[in-house]
């Protein structure tokens, strides 16, 4: 069930490159959308800083994010 939900999220409004990866900015914009829903006292500056930190961890040093990395990051988020 979680796998299908993550797969659905991957298909949301994110243009993929030829290898099927998304950019850092796409990932950050995506996370900001999630934060707006999950965080009661949403602050754009704090949310962006948190998303930047998440990119550093979730991308594992890569310049683009593959579905596998995205899946792992969303699975981790679902577990928190």
PDB file of N, CA and C in Angstrom:
ATOM      1  N   UNK A   1       0.818  -1.186   0.000  1.00  0.00           N
ATOM      2  CA  UNK A   1       0.000   0.000   0.000  1.00  0.00           C
ATOM      3  C   UNK A   1       0.869   1.260   0.000  1.00  0.00           C
ATOM      4  N   UNK A   2       1.885   1.289   0.838  1.00  0.00           N
ATOM      5  CA  UNK A   2       2.789   2.435   0.865  1.00  0.00           C
ATOM      6  C   UNK A   2       3.514   2.557  -0.472  1.00  0.00           C
ATOM      7  N   UNK A   3       3.895   1.429  -1.028  1.00  0.00           N
ATOM      8  CA  UNK A   3       4.604   1.451  -2.312  1.00  0.00           C
ATOM      9  C   UNK A   3       3.765   2.105  -3.407  1.00  0.00           C
ATOM     10  N   UNK A   4       2.472   1.789  -3.449  1.00  0.00           N
ATOM     11  CA  UNK A   4       1.602   2.392  -4.457  1.00  0.00           C
ATOM     12  C   UNK A   4       1.450   3.890  -4.225  1.00  0.00           C
ATOM     13  N   UNK A   5       1.356   4.289  -2.963  1.00  0.00           N
ATOM     14  CA  UNK A   5       1.235   5.715  -2.643  1.00  0.00           C
ATOM     15  C   UNK A   5       2.490   6.461  -3.079  1.00  0.00           C
ATOM     16  N   UNK A   6       3.648   5.893  -2.816  1.00  0.00           N
ATOM     17  CA  UNK A   6       4.909   6.525  -3.207  1.00  0.00           C
ATOM     18  C   UNK A   6       5.005   6.596  -4.728  1.00  0.00           C
ATOM     19  N   UNK A   7       4.607   5.537  -5.385  1.00  0.00           N
ATOM     20  CA  UNK A   7       4.619   5.532  -6.846  1.00  0.00           C
ATOM     21  C   UNK A   7       3.712   6.635  -7.385  1.00  0.00           C
ATOM     22  N   UNK A   8       2.566   6.830  -6.749  1.00  0.00           N
ATOM     23  CA  UNK A   8       1.658   7.905  -7.152  1.00  0.00           C
ATOM     24  C   UNK A   8       2.274   9.273  -6.948  1.00  0.00           C
ATOM     25  N   UNK A   9       2.977   9.453  -5.841  1.00  0.00           N
ATOM     26  CA  UNK A   9       3.642  10.734  -5.579  1.00  0.00           C
ATOM     27  C   UNK A   9       4.705  11.023  -6.637  1.00  0.00           C
ATOM     28  N   UNK A  10       5.416  10.007  -7.047  1.00  0.00           N
ATOM     29  CA  UNK A  10       6.466  10.165  -8.066  1.00  0.00           C
ATOM     30  C   UNK A  10       5.880  10.681  -9.377  1.00  0.00           C
ATOM     31  N   UNK A  11       4.640  10.338  -9.637  1.00  0.00           N
ATOM     32  CA  UNK A  11       4.000  10.744 -10.873  1.00  0.00           C
ATOM     33  C   UNK A  11       3.417  12.153 -10.844  1.00  0.00           C
ATOM     34  N   UNK A  12       3.434  12.787  -9.682  1.00  0.00           N
ATOM     35  CA  UNK A  12       2.833  14.116  -9.543  1.00  0.00           C
ATOM     36  C   UNK A  12       3.741  15.173 -10.152  1.00  0.00           C
ATOM     37  N   UNK A  13       3.244  15.864 -11.147  1.00  0.00           N
ATOM     38  CA  UNK A  13       3.786  17.141 -11.623  1.00  0.00           C
ATOM     39  C   UNK A  13       5.292  17.338 -11.550  1.00  0.00           C
ATOM     40  N   UNK A  14       6.083  16.298 -11.686  1.00  0.00           N
ATOM     41  CA  UNK A  14       7.533  16.467 -11.662  1.00  0.00           C
ATOM     42  C   UNK A  14       8.093  15.945 -12.977  1.00  0.00           C
ATOM     43  N   UNK A  15       8.632  16.843 -13.759  1.00  0.00           N
ATOM     44  CA  UNK A  15       9.211  16.460 -15.033  1.00  0.00           C
ATOM     45  C   UNK A  15      10.513  15.708 -14.786  1.00  0.00           C
ATOM     46  N   UNK A  16      10.662  14.576 -15.423  1.00  0.00           N
ATOM     47  CA  UNK A  16      11.859  13.746 -15.268  1.00  0.00           C
ATOM     48  C   UNK A  16      12.810  13.976 -16.440  1.00  0.00           C
ATOM     49  N   UNK A  17      14.095  13.790 -16.168  1.00  0.00           N
ATOM     50  CA  UNK A  17      15.054  13.881 -17.262  1.00  0.00           C
ATOM     51  C   UNK A  17      15.040  12.571 -18.047  1.00  0.00           C
ATOM     52  N   UNK A  18      15.932  12.441 -18.994  1.00  0.00           N
ATOM     53  CA  UNK A  18      15.970  11.266 -19.869  1.00  0.00           C
ATOM     54  C   UNK A  18      16.210   9.970 -19.088  1.00  0.00           C
ATOM     55  N   UNK A  19      16.841  10.078 -17.928  1.00  0.00           N
ATOM     56  CA  UNK A  19      17.096   8.902 -17.094  1.00  0.00           C
ATOM     57  C   UNK A  19      15.987   8.670 -16.065  1.00  0.00           C
ATOM     58  N   UNK A  20      14.968   9.525 -16.086  1.00  0.00           N
ATOM     59  CA  UNK A  20      13.853   9.379 -15.154  1.00  0.00           C
ATOM     60  C   UNK A  20      14.118   9.969 -13.788  1.00  0.00           C
ATOM     61  N   UNK A  21      15.000  10.967 -13.713  1.00  0.00           N
ATOM     62  CA  UNK A  21      15.368  11.583 -12.440  1.00  0.00           C
ATOM     63  C   UNK A  21      14.786  12.994 -12.326  1.00  0.00           C
ATOM     64  N   UNK A  22      14.696  13.470 -11.082  1.00  0.00           N
ATOM     65  CA  UNK A  22      14.242  14.838 -10.831  1.00  0.00           C
ATOM     66  C   UNK A  22      15.395  15.678 -10.283  1.00  0.00           C
ATOM     67  N   UNK A  23      15.243  16.993 -10.395  1.00  0.00           N
ATOM     68  CA  UNK A  23      16.275  17.918  -9.932  1.00  0.00           C
ATOM     69  C   UNK A  23      16.101  18.225  -8.441  1.00  0.00           C
ATOM     70  N   UNK A  24      17.102  18.831  -7.892  1.00  0.00           N
ATOM     71  CA  UNK A  24      17.056  19.275  -6.501  1.00  0.00           C
ATOM     72  C   UNK A  24      15.893  20.239  -6.290  1.00  0.00           C
ATOM     73  N   UNK A  25      15.730  21.201  -7.176  1.00  0.00           N
ATOM     74  CA  UNK A  25      14.665  22.198  -7.012  1.00  0.00           C
ATOM     75  C   UNK A  25      13.282  21.545  -7.086  1.00  0.00           C
ATOM     76  N   UNK A  26      13.111  20.591  -7.964  1.00  0.00           N
ATOM     77  CA  UNK A  26      11.828  19.881  -8.043  1.00  0.00           C
ATOM     78  C   UNK A  26      11.529  19.169  -6.729  1.00  0.00           C
ATOM     79  N   UNK A  27      12.543  18.546  -6.166  1.00  0.00           N
ATOM     80  CA  UNK A  27      12.368  17.819  -4.903  1.00  0.00           C
ATOM     81  C   UNK A  27      12.031  18.790  -3.769  1.00  0.00           C
ATOM     82  N   UNK A  28      12.724  19.906  -3.741  1.00  0.00           N
ATOM     83  CA  UNK A  28      12.471  20.891  -2.690  1.00  0.00           C
ATOM     84  C   UNK A  28      11.058  21.453  -2.804  1.00  0.00           C
ATOM     85  N   UNK A  29      10.640  21.803  -3.996  1.00  0.00           N
ATOM     86  CA  UNK A  29       9.270  22.310  -4.196  1.00  0.00           C
ATOM     87  C   UNK A  29       8.250  21.260  -3.764  1.00  0.00           C
ATOM     88  N   UNK A  30       8.506  20.011  -4.098  1.00  0.00           N
ATOM     89  CA  UNK A  30       7.629  18.917  -3.685  1.00  0.00           C
ATOM     90  C   UNK A  30       7.549  18.828  -2.156  1.00  0.00           C
ATOM     91  N   UNK A  31       8.711  18.869  -1.491  1.00  0.00           N
ATOM     92  CA  UNK A  31       8.723  18.801  -0.030  1.00  0.00           C
ATOM     93  C   UNK A  31       8.012  19.988   0.605  1.00  0.00           C
ATOM     94  N   UNK A  32       8.160  21.169   0.019  1.00  0.00           N
ATOM     95  CA  UNK A  32       7.480  22.343   0.558  1.00  0.00           C
ATOM     96  C   UNK A  32       5.966  22.153   0.533  1.00  0.00           C
ATOM     97  N   UNK A  33       5.466  21.525  -0.505  1.00  0.00           N
ATOM     98  CA  UNK A  33       4.031  21.219  -0.568  1.00  0.00           C
ATOM     99  C   UNK A  33       3.616  20.300   0.579  1.00  0.00           C
ATOM    100  N   UNK A  34       4.438  19.300   0.836  1.00  0.00           N
ATOM    101  CA  UNK A  34       4.144  18.361   1.928  1.00  0.00           C
ATOM    102  C   UNK A  34       4.195  19.087   3.270  1.00  0.00           C
ATOM    103  N   UNK A  35       5.220  19.898   3.462  1.00  0.00           N
ATOM    104  CA  UNK A  35       5.363  20.622   4.733  1.00  0.00           C
ATOM    105  C   UNK A  35       4.147  21.509   4.991  1.00  0.00           C
ATOM    106  N   UNK A  36       3.636  22.158   3.949  1.00  0.00           N
ATOM    107  CA  UNK A  36       2.472  23.037   4.121  1.00  0.00           C
ATOM    108  C   UNK A  36       1.274  22.281   4.679  1.00  0.00           C
ATOM    109  N   UNK A  37       1.159  21.015   4.307  1.00  0.00           N
ATOM    110  CA  UNK A  37       0.047  20.199   4.784  1.00  0.00           C
ATOM    111  C   UNK A  37       0.317  19.655   6.191  1.00  0.00           C
ATOM    112  N   UNK A  38       1.554  19.274   6.453  1.00  0.00           N
ATOM    113  CA  UNK A  38       1.860  18.584   7.702  1.00  0.00           C
ATOM    114  C   UNK A  38       2.224  19.495   8.874  1.00  0.00           C
ATOM    115  N   UNK A  39       2.718  20.680   8.586  1.00  0.00           N
ATOM    116  CA  UNK A  39       3.237  21.552   9.649  1.00  0.00           C
ATOM    117  C   UNK A  39       2.234  22.665   9.943  1.00  0.00           C
ATOM    118  N   UNK A  40       1.779  22.716  11.185  1.00  0.00           N
ATOM    119  CA  UNK A  40       0.781  23.719  11.587  1.00  0.00           C
ATOM    120  C   UNK A  40       1.299  25.149  11.481  1.00  0.00           C
ATOM    121  N   UNK A  41       2.484  25.379  11.991  1.00  0.00           N
ATOM    122  CA  UNK A  41       3.049  26.738  11.980  1.00  0.00           C
ATOM    123  C   UNK A  41       4.073  26.874  10.857  1.00  0.00           C
ATOM    124  N   UNK A  42       3.619  26.639   9.636  1.00  0.00           N
ATOM    125  CA  UNK A  42       4.477  26.638   8.448  1.00  0.00           C
ATOM    126  C   UNK A  42       5.187  27.979   8.290  1.00  0.00           C
ATOM    127  N   UNK A  43       6.483  27.912   8.112  1.00  0.00           N
ATOM    128  CA  UNK A  43       7.315  29.080   7.859  1.00  0.00           C
ATOM    129  C   UNK A  43       8.161  28.761   6.627  1.00  0.00           C
ATOM    130  N   UNK A  44       7.996  29.553   5.574  1.00  0.00           N
ATOM    131  CA  UNK A  44       8.658  29.278   4.291  1.00  0.00           C
ATOM    132  C   UNK A  44      10.178  29.166   4.425  1.00  0.00           C
ATOM    133  N   UNK A  45      10.780  30.066   5.179  1.00  0.00           N
ATOM    134  CA  UNK A  45      12.241  30.061   5.326  1.00  0.00           C
ATOM    135  C   UNK A  45      12.711  28.796   6.029  1.00  0.00           C
ATOM    136  N   UNK A  46      12.059  28.440   7.120  1.00  0.00           N
ATOM    137  CA  UNK A  46      12.430  27.228   7.861  1.00  0.00           C
ATOM    138  C   UNK A  46      12.156  25.972   7.030  1.00  0.00           C
ATOM    139  N   UNK A  47      11.038  25.987   6.338  1.00  0.00           N
ATOM    140  CA  UNK A  47      10.685  24.834   5.515  1.00  0.00           C
ATOM    141  C   UNK A  47      11.704  24.629   4.399  1.00  0.00           C
ATOM    142  N   UNK A  48      12.125  25.712   3.748  1.00  0.00           N
ATOM    143  CA  UNK A  48      13.112  25.599   2.672  1.00  0.00           C
ATOM    144  C   UNK A  48      14.447  25.100   3.216  1.00  0.00           C
ATOM    145  N   UNK A  49      14.849  25.606   4.381  1.00  0.00           N
ATOM    146  CA  UNK A  49      16.104  25.149   4.991  1.00  0.00           C
ATOM    147  C   UNK A  49      16.014  23.654   5.321  1.00  0.00           C
ATOM    148  N   UNK A  50      14.877  23.231   5.839  1.00  0.00           N
ATOM    149  CA  UNK A  50      14.674  21.819   6.149  1.00  0.00           C
ATOM    150  C   UNK A  50      14.691  20.975   4.877  1.00  0.00           C
ATOM    151  N   UNK A  51      14.060  21.466   3.824  1.00  0.00           N
ATOM    152  CA  UNK A  51      14.041  20.752   2.548  1.00  0.00           C
ATOM    153  C   UNK A  51      15.451  20.642   1.962  1.00  0.00           C
ATOM    154  N   UNK A  52      16.239  21.697   2.104  1.00  0.00           N
ATOM    155  CA  UNK A  52      17.642  21.658   1.643  1.00  0.00           C
ATOM    156  C   UNK A  52      18.414  20.575   2.396  1.00  0.00           C
ATOM    157  N   UNK A  53      18.213  20.513   3.712  1.00  0.00           N
ATOM    158  CA  UNK A  53      18.867  19.473   4.515  1.00  0.00           C
ATOM    159  C   UNK A  53      18.399  18.082   4.085  1.00  0.00           C
ATOM    160  N   UNK A  54      17.097  17.968   3.845  1.00  0.00           N
ATOM    161  CA  UNK A  54      16.567  16.685   3.401  1.00  0.00           C
ATOM    162  C   UNK A  54      17.185  16.270   2.070  1.00  0.00           C
ATOM    163  N   UNK A  55      17.353  17.232   1.161  1.00  0.00           N
ATOM    164  CA  UNK A  55      17.989  16.906  -0.125  1.00  0.00           C
ATOM    165  C   UNK A  55      19.384  16.343   0.095  1.00  0.00           C
ATOM    166  N   UNK A  56      20.156  16.982   0.968  1.00  0.00           N
ATOM    167  CA  UNK A  56      21.524  16.508   1.223  1.00  0.00           C
ATOM    168  C   UNK A  56      21.525  15.059   1.676  1.00  0.00           C
ATOM    169  N   UNK A  57      20.607  14.720   2.562  1.00  0.00           N
ATOM    170  CA  UNK A  57      20.533  13.347   3.067  1.00  0.00           C
ATOM    171  C   UNK A  57      19.915  12.403   2.042  1.00  0.00           C
ATOM    172  N   UNK A  58      18.798  12.812   1.467  1.00  0.00           N
ATOM    173  CA  UNK A  58      18.028  11.922   0.602  1.00  0.00           C
ATOM    174  C   UNK A  58      18.672  11.673  -0.754  1.00  0.00           C
ATOM    175  N   UNK A  59      19.417  12.646  -1.266  1.00  0.00           N
ATOM    176  CA  UNK A  59      20.053  12.471  -2.578  1.00  0.00           C
ATOM    177  C   UNK A  59      21.346  11.674  -2.491  1.00  0.00           C
ATOM    178  N   UNK A  60      21.839  11.495  -1.272  1.00  0.00           N
ATOM    179  CA  UNK A  60      23.073  10.726  -1.034  1.00  0.00           C
ATOM    180  C   UNK A  60      24.237  11.216  -1.888  1.00  0.00           C
ATOM    181  N   UNK A  61      24.299  12.543  -2.023  1.00  0.00           N
ATOM    182  CA  UNK A  61      25.411  13.147  -2.742  1.00  0.00           C
ATOM    183  C   UNK A  61      25.254  13.214  -4.251  1.00  0.00           C
ATOM    184  N   UNK A  62      24.159  12.709  -4.767  1.00  0.00           N
ATOM    185  CA  UNK A  62      23.924  12.747  -6.208  1.00  0.00           C
ATOM    186  C   UNK A  62      23.397  14.127  -6.609  1.00  0.00           C
ATOM    187  N   UNK A  63      23.594  14.496  -7.867  1.00  0.00           N
ATOM    188  CA  UNK A  63      23.116  15.790  -8.349  1.00  0.00           C
ATOM    189  C   UNK A  63      21.657  15.735  -8.788  1.00  0.00           C
ATOM    190  N   UNK A  64      21.144  14.540  -9.027  1.00  0.00           N
ATOM    191  CA  UNK A  64      19.750  14.321  -9.412  1.00  0.00           C
ATOM    192  C   UNK A  64      19.196  13.220  -8.511  1.00  0.00           C
ATOM    193  N   UNK A  65      17.866  13.111  -8.454  1.00  0.00           N
ATOM    194  CA  UNK A  65      17.261  12.079  -7.621  1.00  0.00           C
ATOM    195  C   UNK A  65      16.521  11.069  -8.484  1.00  0.00           C
ATOM    196  N   UNK A  66      16.898   9.821  -8.328  1.00  0.00           N
ATOM    197  CA  UNK A  66      16.255   8.723  -9.040  1.00  0.00           C
ATOM    198  C   UNK A  66      14.994   8.294  -8.283  1.00  0.00           C
ATOM    199  N   UNK A  67      14.207   7.457  -8.926  1.00  0.00           N
ATOM    200  CA  UNK A  67      13.017   6.921  -8.266  1.00  0.00           C
ATOM    201  C   UNK A  67      13.406   6.152  -7.002  1.00  0.00           C
ATOM    202  N   UNK A  68      14.484   5.406  -7.059  1.00  0.00           N
ATOM    203  CA  UNK A  68      14.920   4.620  -5.896  1.00  0.00           C
ATOM    204  C   UNK A  68      15.218   5.525  -4.703  1.00  0.00           C
ATOM    205  N   UNK A  69      15.940   6.613  -4.943  1.00  0.00           N
ATOM    206  CA  UNK A  69      16.234   7.551  -3.851  1.00  0.00           C
ATOM    207  C   UNK A  69      14.957   8.216  -3.346  1.00  0.00           C
ATOM    208  N   UNK A  70      14.080   8.590  -4.265  1.00  0.00           N
ATOM    209  CA  UNK A  70      12.804   9.194  -3.896  1.00  0.00           C
ATOM    210  C   UNK A  70      11.985   8.218  -3.055  1.00  0.00           C
ATOM    211  N   UNK A  71      11.918   6.987  -3.508  1.00  0.00           N
ATOM    212  CA  UNK A  71      11.173   5.960  -2.792  1.00  0.00           C
ATOM    213  C   UNK A  71      11.697   5.825  -1.362  1.00  0.00           C
ATOM    214  N   UNK A  72      12.996   5.714  -1.230  1.00  0.00           N
ATOM    215  CA  UNK A  72      13.593   5.560   0.103  1.00  0.00           C
ATOM    216  C   UNK A  72      13.270   6.759   0.994  1.00  0.00           C
ATOM    217  N   UNK A  73      13.326   7.962   0.438  1.00  0.00           N
ATOM    218  CA  UNK A  73      13.066   9.157   1.245  1.00  0.00           C
ATOM    219  C   UNK A  73      11.597   9.224   1.661  1.00  0.00           C
ATOM    220  N   UNK A  74      10.681   8.843   0.767  1.00  0.00           N
ATOM    221  CA  UNK A  74       9.262   8.868   1.110  1.00  0.00           C
ATOM    222  C   UNK A  74       8.899   7.756   2.080  1.00  0.00           C
ATOM    223  N   UNK A  75       9.548   6.606   1.938  1.00  0.00           N
ATOM    224  CA  UNK A  75       9.309   5.501   2.867  1.00  0.00           C
ATOM    225  C   UNK A  75       9.746   5.915   4.266  1.00  0.00           C
ATOM    226  N   UNK A  76      10.877   6.600   4.346  1.00  0.00           N
ATOM    227  CA  UNK A  76      11.366   7.100   5.634  1.00  0.00           C
ATOM    228  C   UNK A  76      10.390   8.130   6.217  1.00  0.00           C
ATOM    229  N   UNK A  77       9.896   9.025   5.381  1.00  0.00           N
ATOM    230  CA  UNK A  77       8.938  10.031   5.820  1.00  0.00           C
ATOM    231  C   UNK A  77       7.658   9.375   6.334  1.00  0.00           C
ATOM    232  N   UNK A  78       7.207   8.346   5.651  1.00  0.00           N
ATOM    233  CA  UNK A  78       5.969   7.661   6.054  1.00  0.00           C
ATOM    234  C   UNK A  78       6.146   6.966   7.409  1.00  0.00           C
ATOM    235  N   UNK A  79       7.378   6.617   7.723  1.00  0.00           N
ATOM    236  CA  UNK A  79       7.643   5.935   8.990  1.00  0.00           C
ATOM    237  C   UNK A  79       7.817   6.852  10.175  1.00  0.00           C
ATOM    238  N   UNK A  80       7.837   8.176   9.931  1.00  0.00           N
ATOM    239  CA  UNK A  80       8.037   9.104  11.052  1.00  0.00           C
ATOM    240  C   UNK A  80       6.740   9.633  11.581  1.00  0.00           C
TER     241      UNK A  80
END
